[in-house]
Amino acid sequence: MAESTAIPMTTNEEIDAVDVGDNTMEIIAYVDSIEGIKYVSKNKALLKFIINNGTGRRIRVLAWEENAKSYENKLSIHQIIHIQRGLFLRVNPNYFRKEENLIPFEISLTKNSKVDFLGKYATEAREMCKVVSTTIKDCASIEGKLSLDAYIKVTFEPETTSHSSYGSGAIMEGIYKLRVRISHFHQNPALVEGAHIRLIGEIKKDRYDSIYLQVADNNDITVIDDKVLSKETLRGGIHTPRKRPLQDANDNGEEIVEKSPRMNLNDGAFNTSLSQGSFDFENEFQN
């Protein structure tokens, strides 16, 4: 399928102006993530995927039954699609997660909807976004696309929640550790524990305000060489990177590592919340 730079995407202004129940808006965007088919109530097939207009608007699309089975075989990452007669609905607040960076509307494809496949989101256009080379230690201060070299601390495995599925694992470098989520994931036997890899992605925050590296798909993860760290060495990567302060070394030139206070059992606020029964372990640690 040919790549294209000439296809205009739907603008942020057009997307932001949409009303609930509108089934007349046309939208052109590229496929950002494919969540796959699930079988929901009464064993109905439901396909979920996410489209992106390239300028900051990500929208989840739902296809049901025959549409789900048909589109699953046609969709691919970075494919540009043109949706006509999709029904815009407000997202169920129980399934809305701000860390996914989605708008609070979703598009349901009905029997009256039409979907055309227009080509690939051009490599040249994607590469216009500057990719900054950095390290895990400094990545929290980088906005936009970044590239970093690290070692696999926790191997990447598929993870499914009630609202999405993705690859999940962790990388490390020195004393630092960083969680990784891969939007469109498939198993790769080369990505073993301790492997030396290069990743391209963006720093995101989850609902607990903790950072992770969001990677689009396996194509943005490459094995650098044959070097594999031992399990003992991998254990040394334990600190989550923070935004770099102006003064990040002491008078002896030794690096200052800011430890996370979130799970400090000696913290008064944490203990108070426990005594008051306000800390919900089930909700805090689910998923």
C-alpha atoms as a PDB file:
ATOM      1  CA  MET A   1       0.000   0.000   0.000  1.00  0.00           C
ATOM      2  CA  ALA A   2       1.448   3.354  -1.057  1.00  0.00           C
ATOM      3  CA  GLU A   3       2.359   6.031   1.441  1.00  0.00           C
ATOM      4  CA  SER A   4       0.752   9.430   1.088  1.00  0.00           C
ATOM      5  CA  THR A   5       1.607  12.938   2.232  1.00  0.00           C
ATOM      6  CA  ALA A   6      -1.221  14.714   0.375  1.00  0.00           C
ATOM      7  CA  ILE A   7      -4.256  13.539   2.367  1.00  0.00           C
ATOM      8  CA  PRO A   8      -5.485  16.247   4.783  1.00  0.00           C
ATOM      9  CA  MET A   9      -6.457  14.955   8.208  1.00  0.00           C
ATOM     10  CA  THR A  10      -9.539  16.164  10.070  1.00  0.00           C
ATOM     11  CA  THR A  11      -8.551  19.193  12.148  1.00  0.00           C
ATOM     12  CA  ASN A  12      -8.669  19.581  15.939  1.00  0.00           C
ATOM     13  CA  GLU A  13     -11.279  22.322  15.515  1.00  0.00           C
ATOM     14  CA  GLU A  14     -13.595  20.003  13.566  1.00  0.00           C
ATOM     15  CA  ILE A  15     -13.231  17.211  16.132  1.00  0.00           C
ATOM     16  CA  ASP A  16     -13.687  19.507  19.127  1.00  0.00           C
ATOM     17  CA  ALA A  17     -16.936  20.881  17.652  1.00  0.00           C
ATOM     18  CA  VAL A  18     -18.677  17.495  17.398  1.00  0.00           C
ATOM     19  CA  ASP A  19     -21.979  16.923  19.222  1.00  0.00           C
ATOM     20  CA  VAL A  20     -23.184  13.736  20.900  1.00  0.00           C
ATOM     21  CA  GLY A  21     -25.370  11.755  18.518  1.00  0.00           C
ATOM     22  CA  ASP A  22     -23.910  13.325  15.368  1.00  0.00           C
ATOM     23  CA  ASN A  23     -23.707  10.781  12.545  1.00  0.00           C
ATOM     24  CA  THR A  24     -23.002  13.195   9.716  1.00  0.00           C
ATOM     25  CA  MET A  25     -19.402  14.198  10.403  1.00  0.00           C
ATOM     26  CA  GLU A  26     -16.690  12.785   8.175  1.00  0.00           C
ATOM     27  CA  ILE A  27     -13.328  12.111   9.728  1.00  0.00           C
ATOM     28  CA  ILE A  28      -9.963  11.287   8.193  1.00  0.00           C
ATOM     29  CA  ALA A  29      -7.208  10.033  10.486  1.00  0.00           C
ATOM     30  CA  TYR A  30      -4.645   7.261  10.723  1.00  0.00           C
ATOM     31  CA  VAL A  31      -4.821   4.069  12.779  1.00  0.00           C
ATOM     32  CA  ASP A  32      -2.777   4.626  15.933  1.00  0.00           C
ATOM     33  CA  SER A  33      -3.562   1.415  17.825  1.00  0.00           C
ATOM     34  CA  ILE A  34      -5.562  -1.779  17.269  1.00  0.00           C
ATOM     35  CA  GLU A  35      -7.011  -3.320  20.402  1.00  0.00           C
ATOM     36  CA  GLY A  36      -8.472  -6.376  18.696  1.00  0.00           C
ATOM     37  CA  ILE A  37     -11.795  -8.215  18.904  1.00  0.00           C
ATOM     38  CA  LYS A  38     -13.497  -9.066  22.178  1.00  0.00           C
ATOM     39  CA  TYR A  39     -16.757 -10.916  22.697  1.00  0.00           C
ATOM     40  CA  VAL A  40     -19.103  -8.991  24.958  1.00  0.00           C
ATOM     41  CA  SER A  41     -22.729  -9.452  26.095  1.00  0.00           C
ATOM     42  CA  LYS A  42     -24.580 -12.234  24.257  1.00  0.00           C
ATOM     43  CA  ASN A  43     -21.268 -13.165  22.603  1.00  0.00           C
ATOM     44  CA  LYS A  44     -21.264 -10.146  20.283  1.00  0.00           C
ATOM     45  CA  ALA A  45     -17.979  -9.441  18.488  1.00  0.00           C
ATOM     46  CA  LEU A  46     -16.575  -5.980  19.287  1.00  0.00           C
ATOM     47  CA  LEU A  47     -13.499  -4.556  17.576  1.00  0.00           C
ATOM     48  CA  LYS A  48     -11.820  -1.513  19.143  1.00  0.00           C
ATOM     49  CA  PHE A  49      -9.135   0.603  17.522  1.00  0.00           C
ATOM     50  CA  ILE A  50      -7.821   4.127  17.957  1.00  0.00           C
ATOM     51  CA  ILE A  51      -7.400   6.754  15.258  1.00  0.00           C
ATOM     52  CA  ASN A  52      -5.186   9.849  15.397  1.00  0.00           C
ATOM     53  CA  ASN A  53      -5.364  13.049  13.348  1.00  0.00           C
ATOM     54  CA  GLY A  54      -1.633  13.671  13.832  1.00  0.00           C
ATOM     55  CA  THR A  55      -2.129  16.935  15.722  1.00  0.00           C
ATOM     56  CA  GLY A  56      -3.228  15.797  19.153  1.00  0.00           C
ATOM     57  CA  ARG A  57      -6.663  14.158  18.840  1.00  0.00           C
ATOM     58  CA  ARG A  58      -7.010  10.419  19.477  1.00  0.00           C
ATOM     59  CA  ILE A  59     -10.420   8.749  19.175  1.00  0.00           C
ATOM     60  CA  ARG A  60     -11.514   5.198  19.935  1.00  0.00           C
ATOM     61  CA  VAL A  61     -13.616   3.536  17.207  1.00  0.00           C
ATOM     62  CA  LEU A  62     -16.011   0.630  17.834  1.00  0.00           C
ATOM     63  CA  ALA A  63     -17.081  -1.883  15.197  1.00  0.00           C
ATOM     64  CA  TRP A  64     -19.616  -4.616  15.905  1.00  0.00           C
ATOM     65  CA  GLU A  65     -20.307  -8.127  14.646  1.00  0.00           C
ATOM     66  CA  GLU A  66     -19.785  -8.455  10.860  1.00  0.00           C
ATOM     67  CA  ASN A  67     -18.134  -5.033  10.683  1.00  0.00           C
ATOM     68  CA  ALA A  68     -15.718  -6.098  13.429  1.00  0.00           C
ATOM     69  CA  LYS A  69     -14.689  -9.266  11.615  1.00  0.00           C
ATOM     70  CA  SER A  70     -14.388  -7.486   8.281  1.00  0.00           C
ATOM     71  CA  TYR A  71     -12.348  -4.506   9.474  1.00  0.00           C
ATOM     72  CA  GLU A  72     -10.019  -6.586  11.652  1.00  0.00           C
ATOM     73  CA  ASN A  73      -8.537  -8.131   8.498  1.00  0.00           C
ATOM     74  CA  LYS A  74      -8.175  -4.784   6.754  1.00  0.00           C
ATOM     75  CA  LEU A  75      -6.750  -2.537   9.475  1.00  0.00           C
ATOM     76  CA  SER A  76      -3.050  -1.944  10.038  1.00  0.00           C
ATOM     77  CA  ILE A  77      -1.017   0.520  12.068  1.00  0.00           C
ATOM     78  CA  HIS A  78      -0.475   3.957  10.419  1.00  0.00           C
ATOM     79  CA  GLN A  79      -3.190   3.241   7.839  1.00  0.00           C
ATOM     80  CA  ILE A  80      -5.228   6.314   6.885  1.00  0.00           C
ATOM     81  CA  ILE A  81      -8.985   5.776   6.984  1.00  0.00           C
ATOM     82  CA  HIS A  82     -11.962   7.896   5.985  1.00  0.00           C
ATOM     83  CA  ILE A  83     -15.055   7.345   8.139  1.00  0.00           C
ATOM     84  CA  GLN A  84     -18.470   8.552   6.960  1.00  0.00           C
ATOM     85  CA  ARG A  85     -21.715   8.230   8.910  1.00  0.00           C
ATOM     86  CA  GLY A  86     -20.014   7.115  12.120  1.00  0.00           C
ATOM     87  CA  LEU A  87     -22.109   7.742  15.231  1.00  0.00           C
ATOM     88  CA  PHE A  88     -20.390   9.941  17.841  1.00  0.00           C
ATOM     89  CA  LEU A  89     -21.204   8.852  21.388  1.00  0.00           C
ATOM     90  CA  ARG A  90     -20.015  10.022  24.776  1.00  0.00           C
ATOM     91  CA  VAL A  91     -17.579   7.595  26.413  1.00  0.00           C
ATOM     92  CA  ASN A  92     -18.887   5.695  29.424  1.00  0.00           C
ATOM     93  CA  PRO A  93     -17.134   7.482  32.326  1.00  0.00           C
ATOM     94  CA  ASN A  94     -16.426   4.104  33.953  1.00  0.00           C
ATOM     95  CA  TYR A  95     -14.105   3.284  31.048  1.00  0.00           C
ATOM     96  CA  PHE A  96     -12.586   6.709  30.403  1.00  0.00           C
ATOM     97  CA  ARG A  97      -8.891   6.910  31.329  1.00  0.00           C
ATOM     98  CA  LYS A  98      -7.226  10.315  30.940  1.00  0.00           C
ATOM     99  CA  GLU A  99      -3.796   8.681  30.658  1.00  0.00           C
ATOM    100  CA  GLU A 100      -4.816   7.207  27.294  1.00  0.00           C
ATOM    101  CA  ASN A 101      -4.979  10.764  25.911  1.00  0.00           C
ATOM    102  CA  LEU A 102      -8.311  10.133  24.165  1.00  0.00           C
ATOM    103  CA  ILE A 103     -11.150  12.592  23.609  1.00  0.00           C
ATOM    104  CA  PRO A 104     -14.289  11.851  25.690  1.00  0.00           C
ATOM    105  CA  PHE A 105     -16.203  10.760  22.570  1.00  0.00           C
ATOM    106  CA  GLU A 106     -16.003   7.534  20.599  1.00  0.00           C
ATOM    107  CA  ILE A 107     -17.202   6.582  17.132  1.00  0.00           C
ATOM    108  CA  SER A 108     -19.542   3.643  16.724  1.00  0.00           C
ATOM    109  CA  LEU A 109     -19.649   2.182  13.220  1.00  0.00           C
ATOM    110  CA  THR A 110     -23.235   1.299  12.324  1.00  0.00           C
ATOM    111  CA  LYS A 111     -24.781  -0.460   9.318  1.00  0.00           C
ATOM    112  CA  ASN A 112     -24.990   2.979   7.657  1.00  0.00           C
ATOM    113  CA  SER A 113     -21.323   3.807   8.218  1.00  0.00           C
ATOM    114  CA  LYS A 114     -18.779   3.739   5.415  1.00  0.00           C
ATOM    115  CA  VAL A 115     -15.027   3.248   5.878  1.00  0.00           C
ATOM    116  CA  ASP A 116     -12.492   3.821   3.095  1.00  0.00           C
ATOM    117  CA  PHE A 117      -8.809   2.930   3.296  1.00  0.00           C
ATOM    118  CA  LEU A 118      -6.660   5.679   1.792  1.00  0.00           C
ATOM    119  CA  GLY A 119      -3.053   4.535   2.179  1.00  0.00           C
ATOM    120  CA  LYS A 120      -0.323   4.754   4.784  1.00  0.00           C
ATOM    121  CA  TYR A 121       0.470   7.734   6.982  1.00  0.00           C
ATOM    122  CA  ALA A 122       3.689   8.766   5.276  1.00  0.00           C
ATOM    123  CA  THR A 123       7.011   7.874   6.866  1.00  0.00           C
ATOM    124  CA  GLU A 124       8.280  11.315   5.894  1.00  0.00           C
ATOM    125  CA  ALA A 125       5.455  12.959   7.811  1.00  0.00           C
ATOM    126  CA  ARG A 126       6.093  10.831  10.887  1.00  0.00           C
ATOM    127  CA  GLU A 127       9.795  11.604  10.779  1.00  0.00           C
ATOM    128  CA  MET A 128       9.114  15.351  10.732  1.00  0.00           C
ATOM    129  CA  CYS A 129       8.586  14.997  14.470  1.00  0.00           C
ATOM    130  CA  LYS A 130      12.023  15.406  16.020  1.00  0.00           C
ATOM    131  CA  VAL A 131      13.166  12.376  17.983  1.00  0.00           C
ATOM    132  CA  VAL A 132      15.379  13.323  20.935  1.00  0.00           C
ATOM    133  CA  SER A 133      18.064  10.850  22.014  1.00  0.00           C
ATOM    134  CA  THR A 134      18.176  10.595  25.802  1.00  0.00           C
ATOM    135  CA  THR A 135      18.603   8.229  28.751  1.00  0.00           C
ATOM    136  CA  ILE A 136      16.161   6.783  31.266  1.00  0.00           C
ATOM    137  CA  LYS A 137      17.651   9.106  33.881  1.00  0.00           C
ATOM    138  CA  ASP A 138      16.724  12.204  31.867  1.00  0.00           C
ATOM    139  CA  CYS A 139      13.652  11.019  29.961  1.00  0.00           C
ATOM    140  CA  ALA A 140      11.076  12.526  32.345  1.00  0.00           C
ATOM    141  CA  SER A 141      12.119  16.015  31.219  1.00  0.00           C
ATOM    142  CA  ILE A 142      11.635  15.283  27.500  1.00  0.00           C
ATOM    143  CA  GLU A 143       8.423  16.274  25.729  1.00  0.00           C
ATOM    144  CA  GLY A 144       7.523  14.607  22.458  1.00  0.00           C
ATOM    145  CA  LYS A 145       9.236  11.706  20.697  1.00  0.00           C
ATOM    146  CA  LEU A 146      12.380  10.314  22.276  1.00  0.00           C
ATOM    147  CA  SER A 147      14.826   7.494  21.699  1.00  0.00           C
ATOM    148  CA  LEU A 148      16.718   5.707  24.441  1.00  0.00           C
ATOM    149  CA  ASP A 149      18.908   2.642  24.897  1.00  0.00           C
ATOM    150  CA  ALA A 150      18.245   0.333  27.823  1.00  0.00           C
ATOM    151  CA  TYR A 151      17.986  -3.277  28.971  1.00  0.00           C
ATOM    152  CA  ILE A 152      14.828  -5.321  29.415  1.00  0.00           C
ATOM    153  CA  LYS A 153      14.203  -5.714  33.135  1.00  0.00           C
ATOM    154  CA  VAL A 154      10.706  -7.213  32.882  1.00  0.00           C
ATOM    155  CA  THR A 155       9.894  -8.971  29.606  1.00  0.00           C
ATOM    156  CA  PHE A 156       7.065  -7.578  27.500  1.00  0.00           C
ATOM    157  CA  GLU A 157       3.807  -9.489  27.834  1.00  0.00           C
ATOM    158  CA  PRO A 158       0.243  -8.829  26.622  1.00  0.00           C
ATOM    159  CA  GLU A 159      -1.963  -7.147  29.209  1.00  0.00           C
ATOM    160  CA  THR A 160      -5.720  -6.759  28.871  1.00  0.00           C
ATOM    161  CA  THR A 161      -8.034  -4.583  30.921  1.00  0.00           C
ATOM    162  CA  SER A 162     -11.753  -3.915  30.611  1.00  0.00           C
ATOM    163  CA  HIS A 163     -11.083  -1.058  28.198  1.00  0.00           C
ATOM    164  CA  SER A 164      -7.844  -1.809  26.335  1.00  0.00           C
ATOM    165  CA  SER A 165      -5.050  -4.247  25.605  1.00  0.00           C
ATOM    166  CA  TYR A 166      -1.347  -3.566  25.123  1.00  0.00           C
ATOM    167  CA  GLY A 167       2.129  -4.924  25.736  1.00  0.00           C
ATOM    168  CA  SER A 168       3.564  -4.260  29.186  1.00  0.00           C
ATOM    169  CA  GLY A 169       7.032  -4.579  30.690  1.00  0.00           C
ATOM    170  CA  ALA A 170       9.921  -2.557  32.071  1.00  0.00           C
ATOM    171  CA  ILE A 171      13.422  -1.466  31.086  1.00  0.00           C
ATOM    172  CA  MET A 172      16.421  -0.392  33.143  1.00  0.00           C
ATOM    173  CA  GLU A 173      19.700   1.458  32.821  1.00  0.00           C
ATOM    174  CA  GLY A 174      22.081   1.787  35.756  1.00  0.00           C
ATOM    175  CA  ILE A 175      20.024   2.503  38.877  1.00  0.00           C
ATOM    176  CA  TYR A 176      16.933   3.581  36.930  1.00  0.00           C
ATOM    177  CA  LYS A 177      13.833   1.676  35.874  1.00  0.00           C
ATOM    178  CA  LEU A 178      11.036   2.693  33.482  1.00  0.00           C
ATOM    179  CA  ARG A 179       7.741   0.967  32.693  1.00  0.00           C
ATOM    180  CA  VAL A 180       6.861   0.451  29.023  1.00  0.00           C
ATOM    181  CA  ARG A 181       3.503   0.106  27.273  1.00  0.00           C
ATOM    182  CA  ILE A 182       3.307  -1.005  23.634  1.00  0.00           C
ATOM    183  CA  SER A 183       0.045  -0.026  21.937  1.00  0.00           C
ATOM    184  CA  HIS A 184       0.084  -2.628  19.152  1.00  0.00           C
ATOM    185  CA  PHE A 185       1.979  -5.589  20.561  1.00  0.00           C
ATOM    186  CA  HIS A 186       2.980  -9.035  19.367  1.00  0.00           C
ATOM    187  CA  GLN A 187       5.439 -11.444  20.933  1.00  0.00           C
ATOM    188  CA  ASN A 188       9.048 -11.208  19.729  1.00  0.00           C
ATOM    189  CA  PRO A 189      11.375 -14.028  20.894  1.00  0.00           C
ATOM    190  CA  ALA A 190      14.391 -11.697  20.571  1.00  0.00           C
ATOM    191  CA  LEU A 191      13.087  -9.444  23.368  1.00  0.00           C
ATOM    192  CA  VAL A 192      14.372 -11.551  26.252  1.00  0.00           C
ATOM    193  CA  GLU A 193      15.148 -10.532  29.812  1.00  0.00           C
ATOM    194  CA  GLY A 194      18.360  -8.506  29.902  1.00  0.00           C
ATOM    195  CA  ALA A 195      18.432  -7.797  26.154  1.00  0.00           C
ATOM    196  CA  HIS A 196      20.054  -4.525  25.032  1.00  0.00           C
ATOM    197  CA  ILE A 197      17.439  -2.569  23.080  1.00  0.00           C
ATOM    198  CA  ARG A 198      16.624   0.821  21.597  1.00  0.00           C
ATOM    199  CA  LEU A 199      13.091   2.196  21.956  1.00  0.00           C
ATOM    200  CA  ILE A 200      11.256   5.126  20.373  1.00  0.00           C
ATOM    201  CA  GLY A 201       8.237   6.519  22.174  1.00  0.00           C
ATOM    202  CA  GLU A 202       6.818   9.257  24.383  1.00  0.00           C
ATOM    203  CA  ILE A 203       6.655   9.732  28.131  1.00  0.00           C
ATOM    204  CA  LYS A 204       3.080   9.506  29.445  1.00  0.00           C
ATOM    205  CA  LYS A 205       1.461   9.501  32.887  1.00  0.00           C
ATOM    206  CA  ASP A 206      -1.039   6.980  34.217  1.00  0.00           C
ATOM    207  CA  ARG A 207      -3.979   7.718  36.505  1.00  0.00           C
ATOM    208  CA  TYR A 208      -1.643   7.588  39.517  1.00  0.00           C
ATOM    209  CA  ASP A 209       0.524  10.343  37.973  1.00  0.00           C
ATOM    210  CA  SER A 210       3.360   7.828  37.454  1.00  0.00           C
ATOM    211  CA  ILE A 211       5.334   7.984  34.220  1.00  0.00           C
ATOM    212  CA  TYR A 212       5.826   5.270  31.621  1.00  0.00           C
ATOM    213  CA  LEU A 213       7.156   5.058  28.050  1.00  0.00           C
ATOM    214  CA  GLN A 214       4.405   4.742  25.429  1.00  0.00           C
ATOM    215  CA  VAL A 215       5.618   2.869  22.336  1.00  0.00           C
ATOM    216  CA  ALA A 216       3.447   2.608  19.203  1.00  0.00           C
ATOM    217  CA  ASP A 217       4.333  -0.944  18.153  1.00  0.00           C
ATOM    218  CA  ASN A 218       7.127  -3.514  17.969  1.00  0.00           C
ATOM    219  CA  ASN A 219       8.702  -1.698  15.014  1.00  0.00           C
ATOM    220  CA  ASP A 220       9.848   0.972  17.487  1.00  0.00           C
ATOM    221  CA  ILE A 221      11.860  -1.550  19.516  1.00  0.00           C
ATOM    222  CA  THR A 222      15.130  -2.917  18.105  1.00  0.00           C
ATOM    223  CA  VAL A 223      17.811  -5.150  19.596  1.00  0.00           C
ATOM    224  CA  ILE A 224      21.135  -3.276  19.549  1.00  0.00           C
ATOM    225  CA  ASP A 225      23.606  -6.131  20.050  1.00  0.00           C
ATOM    226  CA  ASP A 226      24.065  -9.537  21.661  1.00  0.00           C
ATOM    227  CA  LYS A 227      24.780  -8.171  25.121  1.00  0.00           C
ATOM    228  CA  VAL A 228      22.458  -9.565  27.816  1.00  0.00           C
ATOM    229  CA  LEU A 229      22.592  -8.367  31.426  1.00  0.00           C
ATOM    230  CA  SER A 230      22.465 -10.882  34.267  1.00  0.00           C
ATOM    231  CA  LYS A 231      19.446 -11.046  36.564  1.00  0.00           C
ATOM    232  CA  GLU A 232      21.642  -9.806  39.425  1.00  0.00           C
ATOM    233  CA  THR A 233      22.626  -6.690  37.456  1.00  0.00           C
ATOM    234  CA  LEU A 234      19.022  -6.070  36.395  1.00  0.00           C
ATOM    235  CA  ARG A 235      17.989  -5.929  40.042  1.00  0.00           C
ATOM    236  CA  GLY A 236      19.964  -2.679  40.403  1.00  0.00           C
ATOM    237  CA  GLY A 237      17.450  -0.715  38.307  1.00  0.00           C
ATOM    238  CA  ILE A 238      14.908   0.381  40.919  1.00  0.00           C
ATOM    239  CA  HIS A 239      14.531   4.180  40.821  1.00  0.00           C
ATOM    240  CA  THR A 240      11.847   5.905  38.741  1.00  0.00           C
ATOM    241  CA  PRO A 241      13.287   8.900  36.830  1.00  0.00           C
ATOM    242  CA  ARG A 242      12.085  12.377  37.802  1.00  0.00           C
ATOM    243  CA  LYS A 243      12.237  15.725  36.081  1.00  0.00           C
ATOM    244  CA  ARG A 244      15.760  17.006  36.588  1.00  0.00           C
ATOM    245  CA  PRO A 245      16.073  19.728  39.255  1.00  0.00           C
ATOM    246  CA  LEU A 246      18.383  22.684  38.725  1.00  0.00           C
ATOM    247  CA  GLN A 247      20.742  21.257  41.353  1.00  0.00           C
ATOM    248  CA  ASP A 248      20.996  17.470  40.920  1.00  0.00           C
ATOM    249  CA  ALA A 249      24.336  16.765  42.607  1.00  0.00           C
ATOM    250  CA  ASN A 250      25.692  17.365  46.087  1.00  0.00           C
ATOM    251  CA  ASP A 251      28.842  19.292  46.959  1.00  0.00           C
ATOM    252  CA  ASN A 252      30.993  16.230  46.255  1.00  0.00           C
ATOM    253  CA  GLY A 253      29.598  15.878  42.738  1.00  0.00           C
ATOM    254  CA  GLU A 254      27.608  12.766  43.674  1.00  0.00           C
ATOM    255  CA  GLU A 255      24.276  12.349  41.970  1.00  0.00           C
ATOM    256  CA  ILE A 256      21.179  12.959  44.083  1.00  0.00           C
ATOM    257  CA  VAL A 257      18.486  10.317  43.566  1.00  0.00           C
ATOM    258  CA  GLU A 258      15.024  11.551  44.457  1.00  0.00           C
ATOM    259  CA  LYS A 259      13.104   8.633  45.918  1.00  0.00           C
ATOM    260  CA  SER A 260       9.379   8.347  45.377  1.00  0.00           C
ATOM    261  CA  PRO A 261       7.313   9.162  48.470  1.00  0.00           C
ATOM    262  CA  ARG A 262       4.187   7.480  47.165  1.00  0.00           C
ATOM    263  CA  MET A 263       4.632   4.180  48.978  1.00  0.00           C
ATOM    264  CA  ASN A 264       6.528   5.408  52.033  1.00  0.00           C
ATOM    265  CA  LEU A 265       4.838   3.555  54.893  1.00  0.00           C
ATOM    266  CA  ASN A 266       6.331   6.017  57.374  1.00  0.00           C
ATOM    267  CA  ASP A 267       4.639   8.939  55.677  1.00  0.00           C
ATOM    268  CA  GLY A 268       2.053  10.511  57.964  1.00  0.00           C
ATOM    269  CA  ALA A 269      -0.482  11.153  55.226  1.00  0.00           C
ATOM    270  CA  PHE A 270      -0.294   7.559  54.060  1.00  0.00           C
ATOM    271  CA  ASN A 271      -0.738   6.200  57.590  1.00  0.00           C
ATOM    272  CA  THR A 272      -3.563   8.644  58.264  1.00  0.00           C
ATOM    273  CA  SER A 273      -5.404   7.491  55.150  1.00  0.00           C
ATOM    274  CA  LEU A 274      -5.045   3.896  56.325  1.00  0.00           C
ATOM    275  CA  SER A 275      -6.379   4.677  59.789  1.00  0.00           C
ATOM    276  CA  GLN A 276      -9.318   6.534  58.302  1.00  0.00           C
ATOM    277  CA  GLY A 277     -10.054   3.691  55.909  1.00  0.00           C
ATOM    278  CA  SER A 278      -9.793   6.004  52.886  1.00  0.00           C
ATOM    279  CA  PHE A 279      -7.061   4.115  51.055  1.00  0.00           C
ATOM    280  CA  ASP A 280      -8.719   1.642  48.678  1.00  0.00           C
ATOM    281  CA  PHE A 281      -6.235  -1.153  48.020  1.00  0.00           C
ATOM    282  CA  GLU A 282      -8.449  -2.933  45.524  1.00  0.00           C
ATOM    283  CA  ASN A 283      -8.871   0.150  43.322  1.00  0.00           C
ATOM    284  CA  GLU A 284      -5.346   1.450  43.848  1.00  0.00           C
ATOM    285  CA  PHE A 285      -3.617  -1.681  42.676  1.00  0.00           C
ATOM    286  CA  GLN A 286      -6.038  -3.069  40.116  1.00  0.00           C
ATOM    287  CA  ASN A 287      -4.625  -3.588  36.605  1.00  0.00           C
END
